[in-house]
Protein backbone atom coordinates (compact mmCIF):
# COMPACT_ATOMS: atom_id res chain seq x y z
CA MET A 1 -9.31 138.87 61.73
CA PRO A 2 -11.54 139.68 64.94
CA PRO A 3 -10.11 142.89 66.64
CA SER A 4 -7.56 142.33 69.31
CA SER A 5 -9.78 142.55 72.09
CA ALA A 6 -11.26 139.41 71.20
CA ALA A 7 -7.84 137.85 71.14
CA ARG A 8 -6.50 135.32 73.69
CA PRO A 9 -2.94 133.84 74.08
CA VAL A 10 -2.73 130.41 72.03
CA ARG A 11 -0.21 128.11 72.28
CA VAL A 12 1.49 128.03 68.71
CA TRP A 13 5.20 127.25 69.39
CA ASP A 14 5.68 124.24 71.33
CA LEU A 15 8.66 123.97 74.16
CA PRO A 16 10.91 121.73 71.70
CA THR A 17 10.59 123.93 68.66
CA ARG A 18 11.57 126.95 70.72
CA LEU A 19 14.56 125.26 72.32
CA PHE A 20 15.65 124.04 68.71
CA HIS A 21 15.30 127.77 67.33
CA TRP A 22 17.30 129.42 69.68
CA GLY A 23 19.79 126.66 70.23
CA LEU A 24 20.11 126.74 66.55
CA ALA A 25 20.92 130.43 66.50
CA LEU A 26 23.46 130.34 69.14
CA ALA A 27 25.20 127.15 67.52
CA ILE A 28 25.18 128.99 64.25
CA VAL A 29 26.58 132.27 65.83
CA GLY A 30 29.39 130.43 67.77
CA SER A 31 30.62 128.26 64.30
CA VAL A 32 30.45 131.33 62.14
CA ALA A 33 32.51 133.06 65.03
CA SER A 34 34.89 130.15 65.39
CA ALA A 35 35.65 129.56 62.03
CA LYS A 36 36.78 133.60 61.82
CA VAL A 37 39.00 133.02 64.47
CA GLY A 38 40.47 130.11 63.27
CA GLY A 39 43.80 128.36 64.71
CA GLY A 40 42.74 126.36 68.16
CA ALA A 41 39.14 127.81 67.91
CA MET A 42 38.64 125.16 64.88
CA VAL A 43 38.01 122.47 67.39
CA TRP A 44 34.85 124.48 68.66
CA HIS A 45 33.79 125.12 65.10
CA PHE A 46 33.42 121.30 64.35
CA ARG A 47 32.00 120.96 67.76
CA LEU A 48 29.21 123.50 67.00
CA GLY A 49 28.89 121.94 63.68
CA TYR A 50 28.15 118.58 65.28
CA VAL A 51 25.51 120.19 67.57
CA VAL A 52 24.03 122.11 64.46
CA CYS A 53 23.86 118.76 62.59
CA GLY A 54 22.00 117.11 65.62
CA LEU A 55 19.40 119.94 66.04
CA VAL A 56 18.51 120.14 61.97
CA VAL A 57 18.07 116.37 62.02
CA PHE A 58 15.70 116.87 65.36
CA ARG A 59 13.93 119.66 63.35
CA ILE A 60 13.01 117.37 60.60
CA LEU A 61 11.59 114.52 62.78
CA TRP A 62 10.04 117.33 64.96
CA GLY A 63 8.31 118.56 61.50
CA LEU A 64 6.64 115.51 61.30
CA VAL A 65 5.56 114.62 65.03
CA GLY A 66 5.57 117.88 66.56
CA GLY A 67 3.20 120.43 67.78
CA ARG A 68 0.56 121.45 65.15
CA TRP A 69 2.24 124.62 64.09
CA SER A 70 5.78 122.84 64.06
CA ARG A 71 4.78 120.35 61.72
CA PHE A 72 5.63 120.80 57.98
CA ALA A 73 2.08 119.74 56.89
CA SER A 74 1.12 123.20 58.48
CA PHE A 75 3.18 125.46 56.33
CA VAL A 76 3.68 123.63 52.99
CA TYR A 77 1.84 125.93 50.82
CA ALA A 78 0.63 125.54 47.51
CA PRO A 79 1.99 128.19 44.88
CA GLY A 80 -1.67 129.18 44.43
CA THR A 81 -1.68 130.05 48.39
CA VAL A 82 1.32 131.71 48.27
CA LEU A 83 0.05 134.06 45.57
CA ARG A 84 -3.31 134.98 47.22
CA TYR A 85 -1.30 135.51 50.75
CA LEU A 86 0.81 138.27 48.75
CA ARG A 87 -2.62 139.70 47.50
CA GLY A 88 -3.75 139.90 50.72
CA GLN A 89 -6.62 137.47 49.78
CA ALA A 90 -6.17 134.77 52.39
CA ARG A 91 -9.49 132.55 52.88
CA PRO A 92 -11.56 132.12 56.52
CA GLY A 93 -9.89 129.30 58.32
CA GLU A 94 -6.55 129.21 56.55
CA HIS A 95 -4.36 130.71 59.52
CA LEU A 96 -1.75 131.72 57.14
CA ASP A 97 -0.49 134.00 59.95
CA VAL A 98 -0.72 131.74 62.88
CA GLY A 99 2.40 129.82 62.54
CA HIS A 100 4.85 130.31 59.77
CA ASN A 101 3.42 132.10 56.87
CA PRO A 102 3.81 131.51 53.38
CA LEU A 103 6.92 133.71 53.24
CA GLY A 104 8.18 132.45 56.29
CA ALA A 105 7.86 129.04 55.19
CA LEU A 106 9.90 129.58 52.28
CA SER A 107 12.63 131.12 54.60
CA VAL A 108 12.33 128.13 57.08
CA PHE A 109 12.99 125.36 54.09
CA ALA A 110 15.78 127.38 52.50
CA LEU A 111 17.73 128.05 55.69
CA LEU A 112 17.17 124.30 56.94
CA ALA A 113 18.46 123.21 53.49
CA ILE A 114 21.40 125.38 53.34
CA VAL A 115 22.54 124.67 56.79
CA ALA A 116 22.05 120.70 56.08
CA VAL A 117 24.61 121.34 53.22
CA GLN A 118 26.85 123.07 55.28
CA VAL A 119 26.88 120.29 57.48
CA GLY A 120 27.47 117.93 54.97
CA THR A 121 30.01 119.38 53.24
CA GLY A 122 31.75 119.96 57.05
CA LEU A 123 31.47 116.53 57.65
CA VAL A 124 33.49 115.57 54.50
CA SER A 125 35.79 118.47 54.49
CA ASP A 126 39.68 119.06 54.16
CA ASP A 127 41.44 122.37 54.31
CA GLU A 128 44.78 120.56 54.03
CA ILE A 129 46.32 122.16 56.81
CA ALA A 130 45.04 120.63 60.23
CA ASN A 131 41.30 120.20 59.93
CA LEU A 132 39.56 117.17 58.42
CA GLY A 133 35.79 116.17 58.44
CA PRO A 134 35.12 112.71 60.29
CA LEU A 135 33.50 111.46 56.88
CA ASN A 136 36.40 112.54 54.65
CA ARG A 137 37.71 109.22 54.51
CA TYR A 138 34.66 108.16 52.52
CA VAL A 139 35.09 110.40 49.71
CA ASP A 140 37.89 110.81 47.48
CA SER A 141 40.27 114.04 47.68
CA ALA A 142 38.55 115.90 44.69
CA THR A 143 35.31 115.84 46.58
CA GLY A 144 36.58 116.43 49.95
CA LEU A 145 38.45 119.62 48.43
CA ALA A 146 35.22 120.64 46.58
CA ALA A 147 33.05 120.27 49.75
CA THR A 148 35.55 122.58 51.56
CA ALA A 149 35.82 124.97 48.84
CA TRP A 150 31.63 125.03 48.86
CA HIS A 151 31.61 125.40 53.07
CA LYS A 152 34.20 128.18 53.27
CA THR A 153 32.60 130.53 50.45
CA TRP A 154 29.24 130.02 48.75
CA GLY A 155 27.91 127.89 51.61
CA GLN A 156 28.70 130.51 54.14
CA TRP A 157 27.69 133.38 52.22
CA LEU A 158 24.38 132.12 51.35
CA LEU A 159 23.97 130.82 55.02
CA LEU A 160 24.83 134.74 56.17
CA GLY A 161 22.77 135.99 53.71
CA LEU A 162 19.66 134.07 54.87
CA VAL A 163 20.20 134.73 58.56
CA GLY A 164 20.32 138.53 57.67
CA LEU A 165 17.19 138.03 55.68
CA HIS A 166 15.51 136.28 58.52
CA VAL A 167 16.43 139.20 61.04
CA ALA A 168 15.39 141.74 58.19
CA ALA A 169 11.94 140.12 58.23
CA ILE A 170 11.51 140.48 62.13
CA VAL A 171 12.60 143.98 62.22
CA PHE A 172 10.06 144.87 59.36
CA TYR A 173 7.29 143.05 60.86
CA LEU A 174 8.13 144.86 63.96
CA VAL A 175 8.26 148.41 62.73
CA ALA A 176 5.97 147.99 59.55
CA ARG A 177 3.18 145.85 60.81
CA LYS A 178 3.74 146.15 64.76
CA THR A 179 3.95 142.57 65.01
CA ASN A 180 6.36 141.30 67.30
CA LEU A 181 7.88 137.82 66.17
CA VAL A 182 10.23 137.36 68.74
CA GLN A 183 8.07 137.20 71.88
CA PRO A 184 5.99 133.93 70.75
CA MET A 185 9.33 131.97 69.87
CA LEU A 186 10.06 132.72 73.70
CA SER A 187 6.88 132.67 75.56
CA GLY A 188 5.58 130.06 72.85
CA ASP A 189 2.16 131.97 72.72
CA LYS A 190 0.38 134.51 70.25
CA PRO A 191 -2.57 136.61 70.83
CA LEU A 192 -5.07 134.95 68.31
CA PRO A 193 -8.70 134.53 67.85
CA PRO A 194 -10.38 132.25 70.37
CA ASP A 195 -11.09 129.68 67.68
CA THR A 196 -7.81 129.43 66.41
CA PRO A 197 -6.40 125.76 67.18
CA ALA A 198 -3.72 125.52 69.64
CA ALA A 199 -0.34 123.55 69.37
CA THR A 200 0.10 120.31 71.88
CA ASP A 201 2.63 121.31 74.26
CA SER A 202 2.22 118.49 77.15
CA PRO A 203 4.74 116.73 79.17
CA LEU A 204 3.92 113.71 76.99
CA THR A 205 4.87 115.57 73.71
CA ARG A 206 8.30 117.05 75.54
CA ALA A 207 9.06 113.53 76.90
CA LEU A 208 8.76 112.36 72.92
CA ALA A 209 11.12 115.48 72.01
CA LEU A 210 13.64 114.63 74.72
CA ALA A 211 13.70 110.87 73.51
CA LEU A 212 14.27 112.07 69.76
CA ALA A 213 16.86 114.11 70.94
CA ALA A 214 18.77 111.66 72.71
CA LEU A 215 18.32 109.20 69.74
CA VAL A 216 19.76 112.30 67.28
CA GLY A 217 22.34 112.59 69.60
CA ALA A 218 23.51 109.07 69.91
CA GLY A 219 23.15 109.20 65.95
CA VAL A 220 25.37 111.99 65.57
CA ALA A 221 28.14 110.98 67.93
CA TRP A 222 28.04 107.74 65.98
CA VAL A 223 28.77 109.64 62.86
CA VAL A 224 31.74 111.85 64.42
CA SER A 225 33.00 108.39 65.67
CA LEU A 226 33.55 107.41 62.42
CA GLY A 227 36.27 109.47 61.88
CA GLY A 228 38.37 107.65 64.06
């Protein structure tokens, strides 16, 4: 990579991706906190769970039509590419450290997967006390109880573990590699070589994201309404 003096700010994370990232972080923190408090706070646990559901669905759609570095196509790596990255043998033009690098990509997919499972199990949950997921009526009792058990134990532990790993990676890059991964997710830009392709982040793409968000929000509201 050229020296930093030759670098210039390049738009990597479009606004919709940044809003998704911070929105998901806040919603997960609030969801976990409200679950720990319990009681009346469970109302907010469910509400925040619906927000998380909408965010995950939006991110999946945005991974297909969003800015260049937000698309899944930019960070789905073959096993050989991951091995070469670990060995420090990236090829010219691969841009493996622009968006999500191969290790970061694995973390992103793992986090999206476990959050999706948590949302799914929450939707059909039944704690046999006062809290019932809106889709519980569509599964048998054993399935609802099993989903609840997963949601409150393994699912929660895996989610917290992945979040902790994510935070640890940010600290590692900041301390060991002098690379700030948080700032680009705030501003959208990273100092990169001038020939690095930039993500599209125009009023048109933002309008598309807004339309998708509205569509997803309506879909989540419909799913919730199925609970009666």
